[in-house]
Amino acid sequence: MSTERIILGIDPGTTIMGFGLIKIVNQKMEFMLMNELMLKKYDDHYIKLKLIFERTVELIDTYHPDEIAIEAPFFGKNVQSMLKLGRAQGVAMAAGLSREVSITEYSPKKIKMAITGNGNASKEQVAAMLQNNLKLKSLPKNLDATDGLAAAVCHFYNSGKVIGDKNYSGWGAFVKQNKDRVK
């Protein structure tokens, strides 16, 4: 009996949102797609958020992923950048939740560790490891797409283990795990 599932990985961003899809067939990983949503040309932050939401819903409706793995924003010194990244992540999560797709967050270090064995690996090292493991012919110019793909692969590698920092199966689970964030 064949078991099959699809994982959508997302690297949220307000300049570029990277994403990748993998299919798991009988516990073997197959590359499906990686790409990016270019948002640089838009000045209005709210338009960018709308586009992130719409593209995520479109990916869900087209490829029917069973799970979404999303990279959590890293903590930086610029509060405004953190706020924008958090909003981008939030609308991508809301898109998944609106379609009742299970979501798991992973820290950038956890994703890098899962792919390369080094939590401090560079984007280039992560991309090279994905290229080798998934037999990709070429890599995109911007490595945000490989970062999204890396989130999906990290989720696959962590399947069956205690995974991610947070896991949401729907709005109810999100509210239950984030009582301090919901009024």
N, C-alpha and C. Protein backbone atom coordinates (compact mmCIF):
# COMPACT_ATOMS: atom_id res chain seq x y z
N MET A 1 0.84 -1.19 0.00
CA MET A 1 0.00 0.00 0.00
C MET A 1 0.88 1.25 0.00
N SER A 2 0.66 2.12 -0.93
CA SER A 2 1.46 3.34 -1.07
C SER A 2 0.93 4.43 -0.14
N THR A 3 1.85 5.04 0.59
CA THR A 3 1.48 6.20 1.39
C THR A 3 2.12 7.41 0.74
N GLU A 4 1.33 8.44 0.57
CA GLU A 4 1.80 9.62 -0.15
C GLU A 4 1.33 10.87 0.57
N ARG A 5 2.22 11.86 0.66
CA ARG A 5 1.83 13.15 1.21
C ARG A 5 2.68 14.23 0.56
N ILE A 6 2.18 15.44 0.61
CA ILE A 6 2.86 16.59 0.02
C ILE A 6 3.12 17.60 1.12
N ILE A 7 4.34 18.15 1.12
CA ILE A 7 4.72 19.17 2.10
C ILE A 7 5.08 20.45 1.36
N LEU A 8 4.47 21.55 1.77
CA LEU A 8 4.77 22.88 1.25
C LEU A 8 5.66 23.57 2.28
N GLY A 9 6.83 24.03 1.84
CA GLY A 9 7.72 24.79 2.70
C GLY A 9 7.72 26.24 2.28
N ILE A 10 7.69 27.14 3.27
CA ILE A 10 7.63 28.58 2.99
C ILE A 10 8.69 29.32 3.78
N ASP A 11 9.43 30.18 3.08
CA ASP A 11 10.34 31.13 3.71
C ASP A 11 9.69 32.50 3.52
N PRO A 12 8.96 32.98 4.55
CA PRO A 12 8.21 34.22 4.37
C PRO A 12 9.13 35.43 4.32
N GLY A 13 8.74 36.37 3.51
CA GLY A 13 9.50 37.61 3.42
C GLY A 13 8.65 38.67 2.74
N THR A 14 8.97 39.93 2.98
CA THR A 14 8.20 41.00 2.35
C THR A 14 8.92 41.53 1.10
N THR A 15 10.11 41.04 0.83
CA THR A 15 10.80 41.37 -0.40
C THR A 15 10.69 40.19 -1.37
N ILE A 16 10.98 38.99 -0.85
CA ILE A 16 10.85 37.75 -1.61
C ILE A 16 10.30 36.69 -0.66
N MET A 17 9.24 36.00 -1.10
CA MET A 17 8.76 34.84 -0.35
C MET A 17 9.19 33.61 -1.14
N GLY A 18 10.02 32.78 -0.52
CA GLY A 18 10.46 31.55 -1.18
C GLY A 18 9.56 30.40 -0.77
N PHE A 19 9.35 29.47 -1.70
CA PHE A 19 8.54 28.30 -1.38
C PHE A 19 9.00 27.10 -2.18
N GLY A 20 8.74 25.94 -1.61
CA GLY A 20 9.09 24.69 -2.28
C GLY A 20 8.13 23.59 -1.88
N LEU A 21 7.94 22.65 -2.77
CA LEU A 21 7.06 21.52 -2.53
C LEU A 21 7.80 20.22 -2.75
N ILE A 22 7.58 19.29 -1.84
CA ILE A 22 8.10 17.94 -2.00
C ILE A 22 6.96 16.94 -1.82
N LYS A 23 7.10 15.82 -2.49
CA LYS A 23 6.14 14.72 -2.34
C LYS A 23 6.86 13.58 -1.66
N ILE A 24 6.19 12.99 -0.69
CA ILE A 24 6.73 11.84 0.02
C ILE A 24 5.93 10.62 -0.44
N VAL A 25 6.62 9.66 -1.05
CA VAL A 25 5.98 8.43 -1.50
C VAL A 25 6.73 7.28 -0.83
N ASN A 26 6.01 6.53 0.00
CA ASN A 26 6.63 5.40 0.73
C ASN A 26 7.91 5.83 1.45
N GLN A 27 7.84 6.95 2.13
CA GLN A 27 8.96 7.51 2.92
C GLN A 27 10.17 7.92 2.07
N LYS A 28 9.97 8.09 0.76
CA LYS A 28 11.03 8.62 -0.10
C LYS A 28 10.60 10.01 -0.58
N MET A 29 11.56 10.92 -0.55
CA MET A 29 11.29 12.30 -0.88
C MET A 29 11.51 12.55 -2.37
N GLU A 30 10.53 13.23 -3.01
CA GLU A 30 10.64 13.61 -4.42
C GLU A 30 10.43 15.11 -4.54
N PHE A 31 11.31 15.76 -5.29
CA PHE A 31 11.19 17.19 -5.56
C PHE A 31 10.00 17.43 -6.49
N MET A 32 9.20 18.45 -6.16
CA MET A 32 8.09 18.84 -7.02
C MET A 32 8.34 20.21 -7.66
N LEU A 33 8.63 21.20 -6.81
CA LEU A 33 8.65 22.58 -7.28
C LEU A 33 9.36 23.47 -6.28
N MET A 34 10.03 24.49 -6.76
CA MET A 34 10.48 25.59 -5.90
C MET A 34 10.43 26.85 -6.73
N ASN A 35 10.08 27.94 -6.06
CA ASN A 35 9.97 29.21 -6.76
C ASN A 35 9.93 30.31 -5.72
N GLU A 36 9.70 31.52 -6.18
CA GLU A 36 9.61 32.65 -5.26
C GLU A 36 8.57 33.64 -5.75
N LEU A 37 8.02 34.34 -4.81
CA LEU A 37 7.09 35.43 -5.09
C LEU A 37 7.88 36.71 -4.90
N MET A 38 8.06 37.44 -5.99
CA MET A 38 8.85 38.68 -5.94
C MET A 38 7.94 39.84 -5.53
N LEU A 39 8.32 40.50 -4.45
CA LEU A 39 7.50 41.57 -3.89
C LEU A 39 8.22 42.91 -3.88
N LYS A 40 9.44 42.96 -4.40
CA LYS A 40 10.26 44.18 -4.37
C LYS A 40 9.59 45.37 -5.03
N LYS A 41 8.84 45.09 -6.10
CA LYS A 41 8.28 46.20 -6.90
C LYS A 41 7.09 46.89 -6.25
N TYR A 42 6.59 46.32 -5.14
CA TYR A 42 5.43 46.90 -4.46
C TYR A 42 5.90 47.73 -3.27
N ASP A 43 5.40 48.97 -3.21
CA ASP A 43 5.77 49.86 -2.11
C ASP A 43 4.85 49.68 -0.90
N ASP A 44 3.60 49.34 -1.15
CA ASP A 44 2.60 49.24 -0.10
C ASP A 44 2.73 47.90 0.63
N HIS A 45 3.06 47.96 1.93
CA HIS A 45 3.25 46.75 2.73
C HIS A 45 1.98 45.89 2.77
N TYR A 46 0.83 46.52 2.79
CA TYR A 46 -0.43 45.78 2.86
C TYR A 46 -0.72 45.03 1.56
N ILE A 47 -0.32 45.60 0.45
CA ILE A 47 -0.46 44.90 -0.84
C ILE A 47 0.44 43.67 -0.83
N LYS A 48 1.65 43.80 -0.29
CA LYS A 48 2.56 42.65 -0.20
C LYS A 48 1.93 41.54 0.63
N LEU A 49 1.32 41.89 1.75
CA LEU A 49 0.68 40.89 2.61
C LEU A 49 -0.47 40.20 1.89
N LYS A 50 -1.24 40.97 1.15
CA LYS A 50 -2.36 40.41 0.37
C LYS A 50 -1.82 39.42 -0.66
N LEU A 51 -0.74 39.77 -1.34
CA LEU A 51 -0.16 38.90 -2.37
C LEU A 51 0.41 37.61 -1.75
N ILE A 52 1.02 37.72 -0.58
CA ILE A 52 1.53 36.53 0.13
C ILE A 52 0.37 35.60 0.45
N PHE A 53 -0.70 36.16 0.98
CA PHE A 53 -1.89 35.35 1.32
C PHE A 53 -2.44 34.67 0.07
N GLU A 54 -2.64 35.46 -0.99
CA GLU A 54 -3.23 34.92 -2.22
C GLU A 54 -2.34 33.84 -2.86
N ARG A 55 -1.03 34.05 -2.89
CA ARG A 55 -0.14 33.06 -3.50
C ARG A 55 -0.12 31.77 -2.68
N THR A 56 -0.14 31.90 -1.36
CA THR A 56 -0.15 30.71 -0.49
C THR A 56 -1.44 29.92 -0.70
N VAL A 57 -2.57 30.60 -0.76
CA VAL A 57 -3.85 29.93 -1.01
C VAL A 57 -3.83 29.26 -2.39
N GLU A 58 -3.27 29.95 -3.37
CA GLU A 58 -3.17 29.38 -4.72
C GLU A 58 -2.33 28.10 -4.73
N LEU A 59 -1.20 28.11 -4.01
CA LEU A 59 -0.36 26.92 -3.92
C LEU A 59 -1.11 25.77 -3.25
N ILE A 60 -1.85 26.09 -2.20
CA ILE A 60 -2.62 25.06 -1.48
C ILE A 60 -3.71 24.50 -2.39
N ASP A 61 -4.43 25.37 -3.08
CA ASP A 61 -5.53 24.92 -3.94
C ASP A 61 -5.02 24.15 -5.16
N THR A 62 -3.82 24.45 -5.62
CA THR A 62 -3.25 23.77 -6.80
C THR A 62 -2.61 22.44 -6.45
N TYR A 63 -1.81 22.40 -5.38
CA TYR A 63 -1.00 21.22 -5.08
C TYR A 63 -1.53 20.37 -3.92
N HIS A 64 -2.49 20.89 -3.18
CA HIS A 64 -3.13 20.17 -2.07
C HIS A 64 -2.13 19.58 -1.08
N PRO A 65 -1.26 20.42 -0.51
CA PRO A 65 -0.32 19.89 0.48
C PRO A 65 -1.04 19.38 1.72
N ASP A 66 -0.47 18.35 2.31
CA ASP A 66 -1.01 17.79 3.55
C ASP A 66 -0.52 18.57 4.75
N GLU A 67 0.65 19.19 4.60
CA GLU A 67 1.28 19.92 5.70
C GLU A 67 2.04 21.11 5.15
N ILE A 68 2.20 22.12 6.00
CA ILE A 68 3.01 23.29 5.66
C ILE A 68 4.10 23.43 6.72
N ALA A 69 5.33 23.62 6.26
CA ALA A 69 6.46 23.92 7.14
C ALA A 69 6.86 25.36 6.83
N ILE A 70 6.96 26.16 7.87
CA ILE A 70 7.26 27.58 7.64
C ILE A 70 8.44 27.99 8.51
N GLU A 71 9.33 28.79 7.91
CA GLU A 71 10.48 29.27 8.66
C GLU A 71 10.03 30.40 9.57
N ALA A 72 10.35 30.28 10.85
CA ALA A 72 10.03 31.32 11.82
C ALA A 72 10.98 32.50 11.62
N PRO A 73 10.51 33.71 11.84
CA PRO A 73 11.42 34.86 11.72
C PRO A 73 12.56 34.76 12.73
N PHE A 74 13.75 35.10 12.28
CA PHE A 74 14.89 35.11 13.21
C PHE A 74 14.87 36.43 13.96
N PHE A 75 15.47 36.43 15.13
CA PHE A 75 15.46 37.64 15.94
C PHE A 75 16.63 38.53 15.57
N GLY A 76 16.31 39.72 15.09
CA GLY A 76 17.33 40.67 14.69
C GLY A 76 17.22 41.93 15.53
N LYS A 77 18.06 42.88 15.21
CA LYS A 77 18.07 44.13 15.97
C LYS A 77 17.04 45.13 15.47
N ASN A 78 16.64 45.02 14.20
CA ASN A 78 15.72 45.98 13.62
C ASN A 78 14.28 45.55 13.91
N VAL A 79 13.62 46.26 14.80
CA VAL A 79 12.27 45.92 15.24
C VAL A 79 11.28 46.02 14.08
N GLN A 80 11.43 47.03 13.23
CA GLN A 80 10.51 47.21 12.10
C GLN A 80 10.61 46.03 11.13
N SER A 81 11.82 45.55 10.87
CA SER A 81 12.00 44.38 10.00
C SER A 81 11.35 43.14 10.61
N MET A 82 11.53 42.97 11.91
CA MET A 82 10.92 41.83 12.61
C MET A 82 9.39 41.89 12.52
N LEU A 83 8.83 43.07 12.69
CA LEU A 83 7.39 43.23 12.61
C LEU A 83 6.89 42.87 11.21
N LYS A 84 7.57 43.34 10.17
CA LYS A 84 7.17 43.04 8.79
C LYS A 84 7.28 41.55 8.50
N LEU A 85 8.36 40.92 8.95
CA LEU A 85 8.53 39.48 8.73
C LEU A 85 7.46 38.69 9.48
N GLY A 86 7.16 39.11 10.69
CA GLY A 86 6.12 38.44 11.47
C GLY A 86 4.76 38.53 10.80
N ARG A 87 4.48 39.67 10.20
CA ARG A 87 3.22 39.84 9.47
C ARG A 87 3.19 38.93 8.24
N ALA A 88 4.31 38.86 7.52
CA ALA A 88 4.40 38.00 6.33
C ALA A 88 4.17 36.54 6.72
N GLN A 89 4.81 36.13 7.81
CA GLN A 89 4.63 34.77 8.29
C GLN A 89 3.17 34.55 8.70
N GLY A 90 2.60 35.52 9.38
CA GLY A 90 1.23 35.41 9.85
C GLY A 90 0.22 35.25 8.74
N VAL A 91 0.36 36.01 7.66
CA VAL A 91 -0.62 35.87 6.57
C VAL A 91 -0.43 34.55 5.83
N ALA A 92 0.81 34.06 5.71
CA ALA A 92 1.04 32.75 5.10
C ALA A 92 0.40 31.66 5.97
N MET A 93 0.55 31.79 7.30
CA MET A 93 -0.06 30.83 8.22
C MET A 93 -1.59 30.93 8.15
N ALA A 94 -2.12 32.13 8.08
CA ALA A 94 -3.57 32.31 7.99
C ALA A 94 -4.12 31.67 6.72
N ALA A 95 -3.37 31.77 5.62
CA ALA A 95 -3.79 31.12 4.37
C ALA A 95 -3.88 29.62 4.56
N GLY A 96 -2.87 29.03 5.20
CA GLY A 96 -2.89 27.59 5.46
C GLY A 96 -4.03 27.20 6.39
N LEU A 97 -4.20 27.96 7.45
CA LEU A 97 -5.26 27.68 8.40
C LEU A 97 -6.64 27.83 7.77
N SER A 98 -6.78 28.78 6.83
CA SER A 98 -8.07 28.97 6.16
C SER A 98 -8.44 27.77 5.31
N ARG A 99 -7.44 26.98 4.93
CA ARG A 99 -7.67 25.76 4.14
C ARG A 99 -7.50 24.50 5.01
N GLU A 100 -7.38 24.72 6.32
CA GLU A 100 -7.26 23.63 7.30
C GLU A 100 -6.07 22.70 7.02
N VAL A 101 -4.94 23.31 6.67
CA VAL A 101 -3.71 22.56 6.46
C VAL A 101 -2.86 22.71 7.72
N SER A 102 -2.34 21.62 8.23
CA SER A 102 -1.50 21.62 9.42
C SER A 102 -0.21 22.41 9.16
N ILE A 103 0.18 23.24 10.13
CA ILE A 103 1.36 24.11 9.98
C ILE A 103 2.34 23.85 11.11
N THR A 104 3.62 23.76 10.76
CA THR A 104 4.68 23.64 11.75
C THR A 104 5.73 24.70 11.47
N GLU A 105 6.15 25.40 12.53
CA GLU A 105 7.21 26.41 12.41
C GLU A 105 8.54 25.78 12.77
N TYR A 106 9.58 26.21 12.06
CA TYR A 106 10.95 25.79 12.37
C TYR A 106 11.84 27.02 12.42
N SER A 107 12.74 27.05 13.37
CA SER A 107 13.70 28.14 13.43
C SER A 107 14.70 27.98 12.28
N PRO A 108 15.29 29.08 11.82
CA PRO A 108 16.29 28.97 10.75
C PRO A 108 17.42 28.01 11.12
N LYS A 109 17.87 28.04 12.38
CA LYS A 109 18.95 27.14 12.81
C LYS A 109 18.54 25.67 12.72
N LYS A 110 17.30 25.38 13.09
CA LYS A 110 16.83 24.00 13.04
C LYS A 110 16.77 23.51 11.59
N ILE A 111 16.33 24.37 10.68
CA ILE A 111 16.27 24.00 9.26
C ILE A 111 17.68 23.75 8.73
N LYS A 112 18.60 24.66 9.01
CA LYS A 112 19.99 24.49 8.55
C LYS A 112 20.61 23.23 9.12
N MET A 113 20.33 22.95 10.39
CA MET A 113 20.86 21.75 11.03
C MET A 113 20.31 20.49 10.36
N ALA A 114 19.02 20.50 10.05
CA ALA A 114 18.40 19.33 9.41
C ALA A 114 18.97 19.06 8.02
N ILE A 115 19.27 20.12 7.29
CA ILE A 115 19.73 19.96 5.90
C ILE A 115 21.22 19.69 5.83
N THR A 116 22.01 20.45 6.61
CA THR A 116 23.48 20.37 6.46
C THR A 116 24.19 19.74 7.64
N GLY A 117 23.51 19.63 8.78
CA GLY A 117 24.17 19.17 9.99
C GLY A 117 24.86 20.29 10.74
N ASN A 118 24.72 21.52 10.24
CA ASN A 118 25.35 22.69 10.85
C ASN A 118 24.30 23.80 10.95
N GLY A 119 23.92 24.17 12.16
CA GLY A 119 22.92 25.20 12.37
C GLY A 119 23.36 26.59 11.95
N ASN A 120 24.65 26.76 11.67
CA ASN A 120 25.16 28.05 11.23
C ASN A 120 25.55 28.05 9.75
N ALA A 121 25.06 27.07 9.00
CA ALA A 121 25.40 26.97 7.57
C ALA A 121 24.91 28.19 6.81
N SER A 122 25.57 28.50 5.71
CA SER A 122 25.16 29.62 4.86
C SER A 122 24.02 29.17 3.94
N LYS A 123 23.33 30.16 3.35
CA LYS A 123 22.28 29.86 2.37
C LYS A 123 22.85 29.02 1.23
N GLU A 124 24.07 29.33 0.82
CA GLU A 124 24.71 28.61 -0.29
C GLU A 124 24.96 27.14 0.07
N GLN A 125 25.37 26.90 1.32
CA GLN A 125 25.59 25.51 1.76
C GLN A 125 24.29 24.73 1.80
N VAL A 126 23.22 25.36 2.28
CA VAL A 126 21.91 24.71 2.33
C VAL A 126 21.46 24.39 0.89
N ALA A 127 21.60 25.36 -0.01
CA ALA A 127 21.19 25.16 -1.40
C ALA A 127 21.98 24.03 -2.06
N ALA A 128 23.28 24.00 -1.82
CA ALA A 128 24.12 22.95 -2.42
C ALA A 128 23.73 21.57 -1.90
N MET A 129 23.42 21.47 -0.62
CA MET A 129 23.02 20.18 -0.05
C MET A 129 21.67 19.74 -0.63
N LEU A 130 20.74 20.67 -0.78
CA LEU A 130 19.45 20.34 -1.39
C LEU A 130 19.64 19.91 -2.84
N GLN A 131 20.49 20.62 -3.55
CA GLN A 131 20.76 20.28 -4.96
C GLN A 131 21.29 18.85 -5.07
N ASN A 132 22.19 18.50 -4.17
CA ASN A 132 22.77 17.16 -4.17
C ASN A 132 21.73 16.10 -3.77
N ASN A 133 21.01 16.33 -2.67
CA ASN A 133 20.08 15.33 -2.15
C ASN A 133 18.85 15.12 -3.02
N LEU A 134 18.39 16.20 -3.66
CA LEU A 134 17.19 16.11 -4.50
C LEU A 134 17.52 16.02 -5.98
N LYS A 135 18.80 15.97 -6.30
CA LYS A 135 19.26 15.84 -7.69
C LYS A 135 18.71 16.97 -8.58
N LEU A 136 18.81 18.19 -8.07
CA LEU A 136 18.34 19.36 -8.82
C LEU A 136 19.38 19.72 -9.87
N LYS A 137 18.91 20.00 -11.08
CA LYS A 137 19.83 20.34 -12.18
C LYS A 137 20.49 21.69 -11.97
N SER A 138 19.70 22.64 -11.46
CA SER A 138 20.23 23.98 -11.24
C SER A 138 19.58 24.61 -10.02
N LEU A 139 20.17 25.71 -9.58
CA LEU A 139 19.64 26.45 -8.44
C LEU A 139 19.14 27.81 -8.91
N PRO A 140 18.15 28.36 -8.23
CA PRO A 140 17.66 29.69 -8.61
C PRO A 140 18.68 30.77 -8.26
N LYS A 141 18.53 31.92 -8.91
CA LYS A 141 19.43 33.05 -8.65
C LYS A 141 19.30 33.50 -7.19
N ASN A 142 18.06 33.67 -6.75
CA ASN A 142 17.81 34.04 -5.35
C ASN A 142 17.61 32.76 -4.55
N LEU A 143 18.25 32.67 -3.41
CA LEU A 143 18.19 31.44 -2.63
C LEU A 143 17.01 31.40 -1.65
N ASP A 144 16.08 32.34 -1.79
CA ASP A 144 14.88 32.30 -0.95
C ASP A 144 14.03 31.08 -1.32
N ALA A 145 14.04 30.71 -2.60
CA ALA A 145 13.29 29.53 -3.03
C ALA A 145 13.86 28.26 -2.39
N THR A 146 15.19 28.16 -2.33
CA THR A 146 15.79 26.98 -1.69
C THR A 146 15.54 27.01 -0.18
N ASP A 147 15.43 28.19 0.41
CA ASP A 147 15.10 28.28 1.84
C ASP A 147 13.69 27.74 2.10
N GLY A 148 12.74 28.05 1.22
CA GLY A 148 11.40 27.50 1.35
C GLY A 148 11.40 25.98 1.19
N LEU A 149 12.15 25.51 0.19
CA LEU A 149 12.28 24.06 -0.03
C LEU A 149 12.93 23.40 1.18
N ALA A 150 13.92 24.06 1.76
CA ALA A 150 14.61 23.52 2.93
C ALA A 150 13.66 23.34 4.11
N ALA A 151 12.70 24.25 4.27
CA ALA A 151 11.72 24.11 5.35
C ALA A 151 10.89 22.84 5.16
N ALA A 152 10.50 22.56 3.91
CA ALA A 152 9.73 21.34 3.62
C ALA A 152 10.57 20.09 3.90
N VAL A 153 11.82 20.10 3.47
CA VAL A 153 12.71 18.95 3.66
C VAL A 153 12.98 18.74 5.15
N CYS A 154 13.19 19.82 5.88
CA CYS A 154 13.39 19.75 7.34
C CYS A 154 12.18 19.08 7.99
N HIS A 155 10.99 19.46 7.55
CA HIS A 155 9.77 18.87 8.11
C HIS A 155 9.72 17.36 7.83
N PHE A 156 10.09 16.98 6.63
CA PHE A 156 10.12 15.54 6.29
C PHE A 156 11.12 14.81 7.19
N TYR A 157 12.32 15.38 7.34
CA TYR A 157 13.35 14.74 8.17
C TYR A 157 12.91 14.62 9.63
N ASN A 158 12.05 15.53 10.07
CA ASN A 158 11.59 15.53 11.46
C ASN A 158 10.26 14.80 11.64
N SER A 159 9.73 14.21 10.60
CA SER A 159 8.46 13.47 10.70
C SER A 159 8.59 12.34 11.69
N GLY A 160 7.59 12.24 12.54
CA GLY A 160 7.58 11.17 13.53
C GLY A 160 8.38 11.48 14.77
N LYS A 161 9.07 12.61 14.77
CA LYS A 161 9.82 13.03 15.96
C LYS A 161 9.05 14.17 16.61
N VAL A 162 9.50 14.60 17.76
CA VAL A 162 8.95 15.82 18.34
C VAL A 162 9.44 16.92 17.42
N ILE A 163 8.52 17.63 16.78
CA ILE A 163 8.92 18.51 15.70
C ILE A 163 8.64 19.97 15.99
N GLY A 164 9.46 20.79 15.33
CA GLY A 164 9.22 22.22 15.30
C GLY A 164 9.07 22.87 16.65
N ASP A 165 8.87 24.14 16.61
CA ASP A 165 8.65 24.89 17.82
C ASP A 165 7.16 24.93 18.14
N LYS A 166 6.34 25.05 17.11
CA LYS A 166 4.90 25.12 17.30
C LYS A 166 4.22 24.41 16.13
N ASN A 167 3.09 23.78 16.41
CA ASN A 167 2.37 23.02 15.40
C ASN A 167 0.90 23.36 15.52
N TYR A 168 0.27 23.78 14.43
CA TYR A 168 -1.13 24.16 14.44
C TYR A 168 -1.90 23.33 13.42
N SER A 169 -2.99 22.71 13.85
CA SER A 169 -3.81 21.92 12.94
C SER A 169 -5.05 22.70 12.48
N GLY A 170 -5.29 23.84 13.06
CA GLY A 170 -6.43 24.68 12.69
C GLY A 170 -6.50 25.87 13.63
N TRP A 171 -7.51 26.70 13.43
CA TRP A 171 -7.65 27.90 14.25
C TRP A 171 -7.78 27.56 15.72
N GLY A 172 -8.52 26.50 16.04
CA GLY A 172 -8.71 26.11 17.44
C GLY A 172 -7.40 25.79 18.12
N ALA A 173 -6.53 25.05 17.41
CA ALA A 173 -5.21 24.70 17.96
C ALA A 173 -4.35 25.94 18.12
N PHE A 174 -4.43 26.85 17.15
CA PHE A 174 -3.65 28.09 17.23
C PHE A 174 -4.07 28.90 18.46
N VAL A 175 -5.38 29.07 18.65
CA VAL A 175 -5.89 29.85 19.78
C VAL A 175 -5.49 29.19 21.10
N LYS A 176 -5.62 27.87 21.17
CA LYS A 176 -5.29 27.14 22.39
C LYS A 176 -3.82 27.30 22.77
N GLN A 177 -2.93 27.31 21.76
CA GLN A 177 -1.50 27.40 22.03
C GLN A 177 -1.01 28.85 22.15
N ASN A 178 -1.87 29.83 21.87
CA ASN A 178 -1.46 31.23 21.89
C ASN A 178 -2.46 32.09 22.64
N LYS A 179 -2.87 31.64 23.82
CA LYS A 179 -3.86 32.37 24.60
C LYS A 179 -3.43 33.81 24.89
N ASP A 180 -2.14 34.02 25.05
CA ASP A 180 -1.62 35.36 25.34
C ASP A 180 -1.69 36.28 24.12
N ARG A 181 -1.87 35.73 22.93
CA ARG A 181 -1.89 36.53 21.71
C ARG A 181 -3.30 36.76 21.17
N VAL A 182 -4.30 36.12 21.79
CA VAL A 182 -5.67 36.19 21.30
C VAL A 182 -6.55 36.84 22.36
N LYS A 183 -7.35 37.79 21.93
CA LYS A 183 -8.25 38.48 22.88
C LYS A 183 -9.66 37.98 22.70
